[in-house]
All heavy atoms as atom14 arrays in JSON, in Angstrom:
{
  "sequence": "SSVEQLMEGMTDQQAIKMMTGLIDWVWRNSVSSDKIGQQFKQ",
  "atom14_mask": [
    [1, 1, 1, 1, 1, 1, 0, 0, 0, 0, 0, 0, 0, 0],
    [1, 1, 1, 1, 1, 1, 0, 0, 0, 0, 0, 0, 0, 0],
    [1, 1, 1, 1, 1, 1, 1, 0, 0, 0, 0, 0, 0, 0],
    [1, 1, 1, 1, 1, 1, 1, 1, 1, 0, 0, 0, 0, 0],
    [1, 1, 1, 1, 1, 1, 1, 1, 1, 0, 0, 0, 0, 0],
    [1, 1, 1, 1, 1, 1, 1, 1, 0, 0, 0, 0, 0, 0],
    [1, 1, 1, 1, 1, 1, 1, 1, 0, 0, 0, 0, 0, 0],
    [1, 1, 1, 1, 1, 1, 1, 1, 1, 0, 0, 0, 0, 0],
    [1, 1, 1, 1, 0, 0, 0, 0, 0, 0, 0, 0, 0, 0],
    [1, 1, 1, 1, 1, 1, 1, 1, 0, 0, 0, 0, 0, 0],
    [1, 1, 1, 1, 1, 1, 1, 0, 0, 0, 0, 0, 0, 0],
    [1, 1, 1, 1, 1, 1, 1, 1, 0, 0, 0, 0, 0, 0],
    [1, 1, 1, 1, 1, 1, 1, 1, 1, 0, 0, 0, 0, 0],
    [1, 1, 1, 1, 1, 1, 1, 1, 1, 0, 0, 0, 0, 0],
    [1, 1, 1, 1, 1, 0, 0, 0, 0, 0, 0, 0, 0, 0],
    [1, 1, 1, 1, 1, 1, 1, 1, 0, 0, 0, 0, 0, 0],
    [1, 1, 1, 1, 1, 1, 1, 1, 1, 0, 0, 0, 0, 0],
    [1, 1, 1, 1, 1, 1, 1, 1, 0, 0, 0, 0, 0, 0],
    [1, 1, 1, 1, 1, 1, 1, 1, 0, 0, 0, 0, 0, 0],
    [1, 1, 1, 1, 1, 1, 1, 0, 0, 0, 0, 0, 0, 0],
    [1, 1, 1, 1, 0, 0, 0, 0, 0, 0, 0, 0, 0, 0],
    [1, 1, 1, 1, 1, 1, 1, 1, 0, 0, 0, 0, 0, 0],
    [1, 1, 1, 1, 1, 1, 1, 1, 0, 0, 0, 0, 0, 0],
    [1, 1, 1, 1, 1, 1, 1, 1, 0, 0, 0, 0, 0, 0],
    [1, 1, 1, 1, 1, 1, 1, 1, 1, 1, 1, 1, 1, 1],
    [1, 1, 1, 1, 1, 1, 1, 0, 0, 0, 0, 0, 0, 0],
    [1, 1, 1, 1, 1, 1, 1, 1, 1, 1, 1, 1, 1, 1],
    [1, 1, 1, 1, 1, 1, 1, 1, 1, 1, 1, 0, 0, 0],
    [1, 1, 1, 1, 1, 1, 1, 1, 0, 0, 0, 0, 0, 0],
    [1, 1, 1, 1, 1, 1, 0, 0, 0, 0, 0, 0, 0, 0],
    [1, 1, 1, 1, 1, 1, 1, 0, 0, 0, 0, 0, 0, 0],
    [1, 1, 1, 1, 1, 1, 0, 0, 0, 0, 0, 0, 0, 0],
    [1, 1, 1, 1, 1, 1, 0, 0, 0, 0, 0, 0, 0, 0],
    [1, 1, 1, 1, 1, 1, 1, 1, 0, 0, 0, 0, 0, 0],
    [1, 1, 1, 1, 1, 1, 1, 1, 1, 0, 0, 0, 0, 0],
    [1, 1, 1, 1, 1, 1, 1, 1, 0, 0, 0, 0, 0, 0],
    [1, 1, 1, 1, 0, 0, 0, 0, 0, 0, 0, 0, 0, 0],
    [1, 1, 1, 1, 1, 1, 1, 1, 1, 0, 0, 0, 0, 0],
    [1, 1, 1, 1, 1, 1, 1, 1, 1, 0, 0, 0, 0, 0],
    [1, 1, 1, 1, 1, 1, 1, 1, 1, 1, 1, 0, 0, 0],
    [1, 1, 1, 1, 1, 1, 1, 1, 1, 0, 0, 0, 0, 0],
    [1, 1, 1, 1, 1, 1, 1, 1, 1, 0, 0, 0, 0, 0]
  ],
  "atom14_positions": [
    [[52.34, -47.83, 3.79], [50.93, -48.04, 4.14], [50.4, -46.96, 5.08], [49.2, -46.65, 5.07], [50.75, -49.42, 4.79], [51.55, -49.53, 5.96], [0.0, 0.0, 0.0], [0.0, 0.0, 0.0], [0.0, 0.0, 0.0], [0.0, 0.0, 0.0], [0.0, 0.0, 0.0], [0.0, 0.0, 0.0], [0.0, 0.0, 0.0], [0.0, 0.0, 0.0]],
    [[51.28, -46.36, 5.89], [50.82, -45.35, 6.84], [50.39, -44.07, 6.13], [49.43, -43.42, 6.54], [51.92, -45.04, 7.86], [53.06, -44.47, 7.24], [0.0, 0.0, 0.0], [0.0, 0.0, 0.0], [0.0, 0.0, 0.0], [0.0, 0.0, 0.0], [0.0, 0.0, 0.0], [0.0, 0.0, 0.0], [0.0, 0.0, 0.0], [0.0, 0.0, 0.0]],
    [[51.1, -43.7, 5.07], [50.71, -42.49, 4.33], [49.52, -42.8, 3.42], [48.67, -41.93, 3.18], [51.9, -41.91, 3.52], [52.31, -42.82, 2.39], [51.55, -40.54, 2.96], [0.0, 0.0, 0.0], [0.0, 0.0, 0.0], [0.0, 0.0, 0.0], [0.0, 0.0, 0.0], [0.0, 0.0, 0.0], [0.0, 0.0, 0.0], [0.0, 0.0, 0.0]],
    [[49.41, -44.04, 2.96], [48.27, -44.4, 2.11], [46.96, -44.33, 2.89], [45.89, -44.15, 2.3], [48.48, -45.81, 1.54], [49.56, -45.84, 0.45], [49.85, -47.25, -0.04], [49.54, -48.21, 0.71], [50.39, -47.38, -1.15], [0.0, 0.0, 0.0], [0.0, 0.0, 0.0], [0.0, 0.0, 0.0], [0.0, 0.0, 0.0], [0.0, 0.0, 0.0]],
    [[47.04, -44.45, 4.22], [45.83, -44.35, 5.03], [45.18, -42.97, 4.92], [43.98, -42.82, 5.12], [46.15, -44.61, 6.5], [46.43, -46.08, 6.8], [46.58, -46.27, 8.29], [45.62, -46.21, 9.04], [47.79, -46.49, 8.73], [0.0, 0.0, 0.0], [0.0, 0.0, 0.0], [0.0, 0.0, 0.0], [0.0, 0.0, 0.0], [0.0, 0.0, 0.0]],
    [[45.99, -41.96, 4.59], [45.45, -40.61, 4.46], [44.48, -40.5, 3.29], [43.71, -39.54, 3.2], [46.59, -39.6, 4.28], [47.62, -39.54, 5.4], [48.69, -38.5, 5.08], [46.96, -39.21, 6.73], [0.0, 0.0, 0.0], [0.0, 0.0, 0.0], [0.0, 0.0, 0.0], [0.0, 0.0, 0.0], [0.0, 0.0, 0.0], [0.0, 0.0, 0.0]],
    [[44.51, -41.49, 2.39], [43.63, -41.47, 1.23], [42.27, -42.09, 1.54], [41.34, -41.97, 0.75], [44.28, -42.22, 0.06], [45.54, -41.57, -0.47], [46.35, -42.62, -1.71], [45.06, -42.77, -2.95], [0.0, 0.0, 0.0], [0.0, 0.0, 0.0], [0.0, 0.0, 0.0], [0.0, 0.0, 0.0], [0.0, 0.0, 0.0], [0.0, 0.0, 0.0]],
    [[42.16, -42.79, 2.67], [40.9, -43.44, 3.01], [39.8, -42.39, 3.17], [39.97, -41.38, 3.83], [41.04, -44.25, 4.3], [41.97, -45.44, 4.15], [42.06, -46.27, 5.42], [41.26, -46.0, 6.34], [42.91, -47.16, 5.49], [0.0, 0.0, 0.0], [0.0, 0.0, 0.0], [0.0, 0.0, 0.0], [0.0, 0.0, 0.0], [0.0, 0.0, 0.0]],
    [[38.68, -42.64, 2.54], [37.57, -41.7, 2.6], [37.54, -40.73, 1.44], [36.55, -40.02, 1.25], [0.0, 0.0, 0.0], [0.0, 0.0, 0.0], [0.0, 0.0, 0.0], [0.0, 0.0, 0.0], [0.0, 0.0, 0.0], [0.0, 0.0, 0.0], [0.0, 0.0, 0.0], [0.0, 0.0, 0.0], [0.0, 0.0, 0.0], [0.0, 0.0, 0.0]],
    [[38.62, -40.68, 0.64], [38.64, -39.81, -0.54], [37.68, -40.35, -1.58], [37.62, -41.55, -1.84], [40.05, -39.73, -1.14], [41.0, -38.8, -0.45], [42.55, -38.62, -1.41], [43.41, -37.42, -0.4], [0.0, 0.0, 0.0], [0.0, 0.0, 0.0], [0.0, 0.0, 0.0], [0.0, 0.0, 0.0], [0.0, 0.0, 0.0], [0.0, 0.0, 0.0]],
    [[36.94, -39.45, -2.21], [36.03, -39.86, -3.29], [36.35, -39.16, -4.61], [35.98, -39.65, -5.67], [34.57, -39.56, -2.9], [34.43, -38.15, -2.6], [34.15, -40.38, -1.69], [0.0, 0.0, 0.0], [0.0, 0.0, 0.0], [0.0, 0.0, 0.0], [0.0, 0.0, 0.0], [0.0, 0.0, 0.0], [0.0, 0.0, 0.0], [0.0, 0.0, 0.0]],
    [[37.03, -38.02, -4.54], [37.37, -37.28, -5.75], [38.47, -38.03, -6.52], [39.57, -38.22, -6.01], [37.85, -35.87, -5.37], [38.12, -35.03, -6.61], [39.26, -35.09, -7.12], [37.22, -34.3, -7.04], [0.0, 0.0, 0.0], [0.0, 0.0, 0.0], [0.0, 0.0, 0.0], [0.0, 0.0, 0.0], [0.0, 0.0, 0.0], [0.0, 0.0, 0.0]],
    [[38.16, -38.44, -7.73], [39.09, -39.26, -8.5], [40.37, -38.52, -8.86], [41.45, -39.11, -8.91], [38.4, -39.77, -9.78], [37.28, -40.76, -9.52], [37.77, -41.97, -8.74], [38.74, -42.62, -9.1], [37.07, -42.26, -7.62], [0.0, 0.0, 0.0], [0.0, 0.0, 0.0], [0.0, 0.0, 0.0], [0.0, 0.0, 0.0], [0.0, 0.0, 0.0]],
    [[40.27, -37.22, -9.11], [41.47, -36.45, -9.42], [42.4, -36.38, -8.21], [43.62, -36.5, -8.34], [41.09, -35.03, -9.87], [42.28, -34.14, -10.24], [43.09, -34.68, -11.41], [42.52, -35.26, -12.34], [44.4, -34.52, -11.37], [0.0, 0.0, 0.0], [0.0, 0.0, 0.0], [0.0, 0.0, 0.0], [0.0, 0.0, 0.0], [0.0, 0.0, 0.0]],
    [[41.81, -36.2, -7.02], [42.62, -36.16, -5.8], [43.27, -37.51, -5.53], [44.44, -37.58, -5.11], [41.75, -35.74, -4.61], [0.0, 0.0, 0.0], [0.0, 0.0, 0.0], [0.0, 0.0, 0.0], [0.0, 0.0, 0.0], [0.0, 0.0, 0.0], [0.0, 0.0, 0.0], [0.0, 0.0, 0.0], [0.0, 0.0, 0.0], [0.0, 0.0, 0.0]],
    [[42.52, -38.59, -5.77], [43.07, -39.94, -5.58], [44.23, -40.18, -6.54], [45.28, -40.73, -6.15], [41.97, -41.0, -5.77], [40.93, -40.89, -4.65], [42.56, -42.4, -5.83], [39.7, -41.76, -4.85], [0.0, 0.0, 0.0], [0.0, 0.0, 0.0], [0.0, 0.0, 0.0], [0.0, 0.0, 0.0], [0.0, 0.0, 0.0], [0.0, 0.0, 0.0]],
    [[44.05, -39.78, -7.79], [45.1, -39.93, -8.8], [46.36, -39.16, -8.38], [47.48, -39.68, -8.47], [44.61, -39.42, -10.15], [45.69, -39.36, -11.24], [45.18, -38.62, -12.47], [46.32, -38.39, -13.46], [45.89, -37.56, -14.63], [0.0, 0.0, 0.0], [0.0, 0.0, 0.0], [0.0, 0.0, 0.0], [0.0, 0.0, 0.0], [0.0, 0.0, 0.0]],
    [[46.16, -37.94, -7.91], [47.29, -37.11, -7.52], [48.03, -37.71, -6.32], [49.26, -37.81, -6.32], [46.8, -35.7, -7.17], [47.88, -34.78, -6.64], [47.2, -33.14, -6.29], [48.56, -32.41, -5.4], [0.0, 0.0, 0.0], [0.0, 0.0, 0.0], [0.0, 0.0, 0.0], [0.0, 0.0, 0.0], [0.0, 0.0, 0.0], [0.0, 0.0, 0.0]],
    [[47.28, -38.12, -5.29], [47.91, -38.68, -4.08], [48.64, -39.98, -4.4], [49.77, -40.2, -3.93], [46.86, -38.91, -3.0], [46.44, -37.67, -2.26], [47.79, -36.98, -1.25], [47.95, -38.23, 0.03], [0.0, 0.0, 0.0], [0.0, 0.0, 0.0], [0.0, 0.0, 0.0], [0.0, 0.0, 0.0], [0.0, 0.0, 0.0], [0.0, 0.0, 0.0]],
    [[48.02, -40.85, -5.19], [48.67, -42.11, -5.55], [49.95, -41.86, -6.32], [50.99, -42.49, -6.05], [47.71, -42.98, -6.41], [46.51, -43.23, -5.69], [48.37, -44.31, -6.76], [0.0, 0.0, 0.0], [0.0, 0.0, 0.0], [0.0, 0.0, 0.0], [0.0, 0.0, 0.0], [0.0, 0.0, 0.0], [0.0, 0.0, 0.0], [0.0, 0.0, 0.0]],
    [[49.9, -40.92, -7.26], [51.09, -40.59, -8.04], [52.19, -40.0, -7.17], [53.37, -40.34, -7.33], [0.0, 0.0, 0.0], [0.0, 0.0, 0.0], [0.0, 0.0, 0.0], [0.0, 0.0, 0.0], [0.0, 0.0, 0.0], [0.0, 0.0, 0.0], [0.0, 0.0, 0.0], [0.0, 0.0, 0.0], [0.0, 0.0, 0.0], [0.0, 0.0, 0.0]],
    [[51.81, -39.12, -6.24], [52.81, -38.51, -5.36], [53.5, -39.55, -4.49], [54.73, -39.55, -4.33], [52.14, -37.45, -4.48], [51.85, -36.09, -5.12], [51.04, -35.22, -4.16], [53.14, -35.39, -5.5], [0.0, 0.0, 0.0], [0.0, 0.0, 0.0], [0.0, 0.0, 0.0], [0.0, 0.0, 0.0], [0.0, 0.0, 0.0], [0.0, 0.0, 0.0]],
    [[52.69, -40.45, -3.91], [53.25, -41.49, -3.04], [54.2, -42.38, -3.84], [55.31, -42.69, -3.39], [52.13, -42.31, -2.39], [51.31, -41.43, -1.43], [52.71, -43.5, -1.62], [50.03, -42.08, -0.95], [0.0, 0.0, 0.0], [0.0, 0.0, 0.0], [0.0, 0.0, 0.0], [0.0, 0.0, 0.0], [0.0, 0.0, 0.0], [0.0, 0.0, 0.0]],
    [[53.78, -42.79, -5.04], [54.62, -43.64, -5.89], [55.94, -42.92, -6.21], [57.02, -43.51, -6.12], [53.9, -43.98, -7.2], [52.81, -45.01, -7.02], [52.83, -45.71, -5.98], [51.94, -45.12, -7.9], [0.0, 0.0, 0.0], [0.0, 0.0, 0.0], [0.0, 0.0, 0.0], [0.0, 0.0, 0.0], [0.0, 0.0, 0.0], [0.0, 0.0, 0.0]],
    [[55.81, -41.63, -6.58], [57.0, -40.88, -7.0], [57.98, -40.7, -5.84], [59.18, -40.88, -6.02], [56.56, -39.52, -7.55], [57.69, -38.74, -8.14], [58.21, -38.84, -9.4], [58.46, -37.72, -7.48], [59.25, -37.96, -9.56], [59.43, -37.26, -8.4], [58.43, -37.16, -6.21], [60.34, -36.26, -8.08], [59.33, -36.17, -5.89], [60.28, -35.73, -6.82]],
    [[57.47, -40.36, -4.67], [58.35, -40.16, -3.51], [59.01, -41.46, -3.1], [60.22, -41.51, -2.83], [57.55, -39.57, -2.31], [58.39, -39.62, -1.03], [57.13, -38.13, -2.61], [0.0, 0.0, 0.0], [0.0, 0.0, 0.0], [0.0, 0.0, 0.0], [0.0, 0.0, 0.0], [0.0, 0.0, 0.0], [0.0, 0.0, 0.0], [0.0, 0.0, 0.0]],
    [[58.26, -42.54, -3.09], [58.81, -43.82, -2.59], [59.83, -44.44, -3.54], [60.72, -45.16, -3.1], [57.68, -44.8, -2.29], [57.59, -45.09, -0.82], [58.04, -46.19, -0.17], [57.07, -44.22, 0.2], [57.83, -46.07, 1.19], [57.23, -44.87, 1.44], [56.48, -42.96, 0.18], [56.81, -44.31, 2.65], [56.06, -42.4, 1.37], [56.23, -43.08, 2.58]],
    [[59.72, -44.14, -4.84], [60.7, -44.72, -5.77], [61.89, -43.78, -6.0], [62.86, -44.15, -6.66], [60.05, -45.06, -7.1], [59.66, -43.88, -7.98], [59.24, -44.34, -9.38], [58.97, -43.21, -10.24], [57.77, -42.71, -10.49], [56.71, -43.27, -9.93], [57.61, -41.66, -11.28], [0.0, 0.0, 0.0], [0.0, 0.0, 0.0], [0.0, 0.0, 0.0]],
    [[61.8, -42.57, -5.43], [62.88, -41.59, -5.62], [64.11, -42.01, -4.82], [64.02, -42.34, -3.63], [62.41, -40.2, -5.17], [63.21, -39.09, -5.82], [64.41, -39.1, -5.77], [62.51, -38.15, -6.43], [0.0, 0.0, 0.0], [0.0, 0.0, 0.0], [0.0, 0.0, 0.0], [0.0, 0.0, 0.0], [0.0, 0.0, 0.0], [0.0, 0.0, 0.0]],
    [[65.26, -41.97, -5.46], [66.49, -42.45, -4.81], [67.32, -41.34, -4.19], [68.29, -41.61, -3.49], [67.36, -43.2, -5.84], [67.69, -42.36, -6.94], [0.0, 0.0, 0.0], [0.0, 0.0, 0.0], [0.0, 0.0, 0.0], [0.0, 0.0, 0.0], [0.0, 0.0, 0.0], [0.0, 0.0, 0.0], [0.0, 0.0, 0.0], [0.0, 0.0, 0.0]],
    [[66.95, -40.07, -4.4], [67.72, -38.98, -3.81], [67.37, -38.87, -2.33], [66.37, -39.42, -1.86], [67.45, -37.63, -4.52], [67.75, -37.74, -6.0], [66.03, -37.16, -4.29], [0.0, 0.0, 0.0], [0.0, 0.0, 0.0], [0.0, 0.0, 0.0], [0.0, 0.0, 0.0], [0.0, 0.0, 0.0], [0.0, 0.0, 0.0], [0.0, 0.0, 0.0]],
    [[68.19, -38.14, -1.56], [67.96, -38.02, -0.13], [66.65, -37.28, 0.13], [66.22, -36.44, -0.67], [69.12, -37.27, 0.54], [69.15, -35.93, 0.12], [0.0, 0.0, 0.0], [0.0, 0.0, 0.0], [0.0, 0.0, 0.0], [0.0, 0.0, 0.0], [0.0, 0.0, 0.0], [0.0, 0.0, 0.0], [0.0, 0.0, 0.0], [0.0, 0.0, 0.0]],
    [[66.03, -37.6, 1.26], [64.73, -37.0, 1.59], [64.78, -35.48, 1.63], [63.8, -34.81, 1.28], [64.24, -37.55, 2.94], [64.04, -38.94, 2.88], [0.0, 0.0, 0.0], [0.0, 0.0, 0.0], [0.0, 0.0, 0.0], [0.0, 0.0, 0.0], [0.0, 0.0, 0.0], [0.0, 0.0, 0.0], [0.0, 0.0, 0.0], [0.0, 0.0, 0.0]],
    [[65.93, -34.93, 2.05], [66.05, -33.48, 2.16], [66.04, -32.78, 0.8], [65.82, -31.57, 0.73], [67.34, -33.11, 2.9], [67.32, -33.55, 4.35], [66.2, -33.68, 4.9], [68.4, -33.78, 4.93], [0.0, 0.0, 0.0], [0.0, 0.0, 0.0], [0.0, 0.0, 0.0], [0.0, 0.0, 0.0], [0.0, 0.0, 0.0], [0.0, 0.0, 0.0]],
    [[66.28, -33.53, -0.27], [66.36, -32.92, -1.61], [65.17, -33.25, -2.5], [65.05, -32.7, -3.59], [67.66, -33.37, -2.3], [68.93, -32.89, -1.58], [70.18, -33.36, -2.32], [71.45, -32.87, -1.6], [72.68, -33.34, -2.28], [0.0, 0.0, 0.0], [0.0, 0.0, 0.0], [0.0, 0.0, 0.0], [0.0, 0.0, 0.0], [0.0, 0.0, 0.0]],
    [[64.31, -34.17, -2.04], [63.19, -34.58, -2.88], [62.25, -33.41, -3.16], [61.77, -33.22, -4.29], [62.4, -35.74, -2.23], [63.28, -36.98, -2.14], [61.16, -36.06, -3.05], [62.59, -38.16, -1.46], [0.0, 0.0, 0.0], [0.0, 0.0, 0.0], [0.0, 0.0, 0.0], [0.0, 0.0, 0.0], [0.0, 0.0, 0.0], [0.0, 0.0, 0.0]],
    [[61.97, -32.61, -2.13], [61.06, -31.48, -2.3], [61.55, -30.5, -3.34], [60.78, -30.04, -4.2], [0.0, 0.0, 0.0], [0.0, 0.0, 0.0], [0.0, 0.0, 0.0], [0.0, 0.0, 0.0], [0.0, 0.0, 0.0], [0.0, 0.0, 0.0], [0.0, 0.0, 0.0], [0.0, 0.0, 0.0], [0.0, 0.0, 0.0], [0.0, 0.0, 0.0]],
    [[62.82, -30.17, -3.28], [63.4, -29.23, -4.25], [63.32, -29.8, -5.67], [63.0, -29.09, -6.62], [64.86, -28.94, -3.89], [65.54, -27.94, -4.82], [66.98, -27.69, -4.41], [67.47, -28.25, -3.44], [67.68, -26.86, -5.16], [0.0, 0.0, 0.0], [0.0, 0.0, 0.0], [0.0, 0.0, 0.0], [0.0, 0.0, 0.0], [0.0, 0.0, 0.0]],
    [[63.61, -31.1, -5.78], [63.55, -31.76, -7.09], [62.12, -31.74, -7.64], [61.9, -31.45, -8.82], [64.04, -33.2, -6.97], [64.08, -33.95, -8.3], [64.42, -35.41, -8.12], [63.56, -36.17, -7.67], [65.65, -35.8, -8.44], [0.0, 0.0, 0.0], [0.0, 0.0, 0.0], [0.0, 0.0, 0.0], [0.0, 0.0, 0.0], [0.0, 0.0, 0.0]],
    [[61.15, -32.0, -6.76], [59.75, -31.98, -7.2], [59.35, -30.6, -7.68], [58.68, -30.46, -8.71], [58.83, -32.43, -6.06], [57.38, -32.46, -6.46], [56.83, -33.6, -7.01], [56.58, -31.33, -6.29], [55.49, -33.62, -7.39], [55.25, -31.35, -6.68], [54.71, -32.5, -7.24], [0.0, 0.0, 0.0], [0.0, 0.0, 0.0], [0.0, 0.0, 0.0]],
    [[59.72, -29.56, -6.93], [59.36, -28.19, -7.3], [59.92, -27.84, -8.67], [59.21, -27.23, -9.5], [59.89, -27.21, -6.23], [59.53, -25.75, -6.48], [58.04, -25.52, -6.29], [57.68, -24.04, -6.39], [58.19, -23.24, -5.25], [0.0, 0.0, 0.0], [0.0, 0.0, 0.0], [0.0, 0.0, 0.0], [0.0, 0.0, 0.0], [0.0, 0.0, 0.0]],
    [[61.14, -28.23, -8.94], [61.75, -27.96, -10.25], [60.99, -28.68, -11.37], [60.74, -28.11, -12.43], [63.22, -28.38, -10.24], [64.09, -27.51, -9.34], [65.49, -28.07, -9.17], [65.78, -29.23, -9.52], [66.39, -27.27, -8.63], [0.0, 0.0, 0.0], [0.0, 0.0, 0.0], [0.0, 0.0, 0.0], [0.0, 0.0, 0.0], [0.0, 0.0, 0.0]]
  ]
}
């Protein structure tokens, strides 16, 4: 919920879609936090 607060005030639907997807993807990812970024970049 703390990171979702960063979306408050957003009106651009593409940006909202991107942020929601990113939050969902990071939170359901089971790899260690130190490796998530590298995995995403790939």
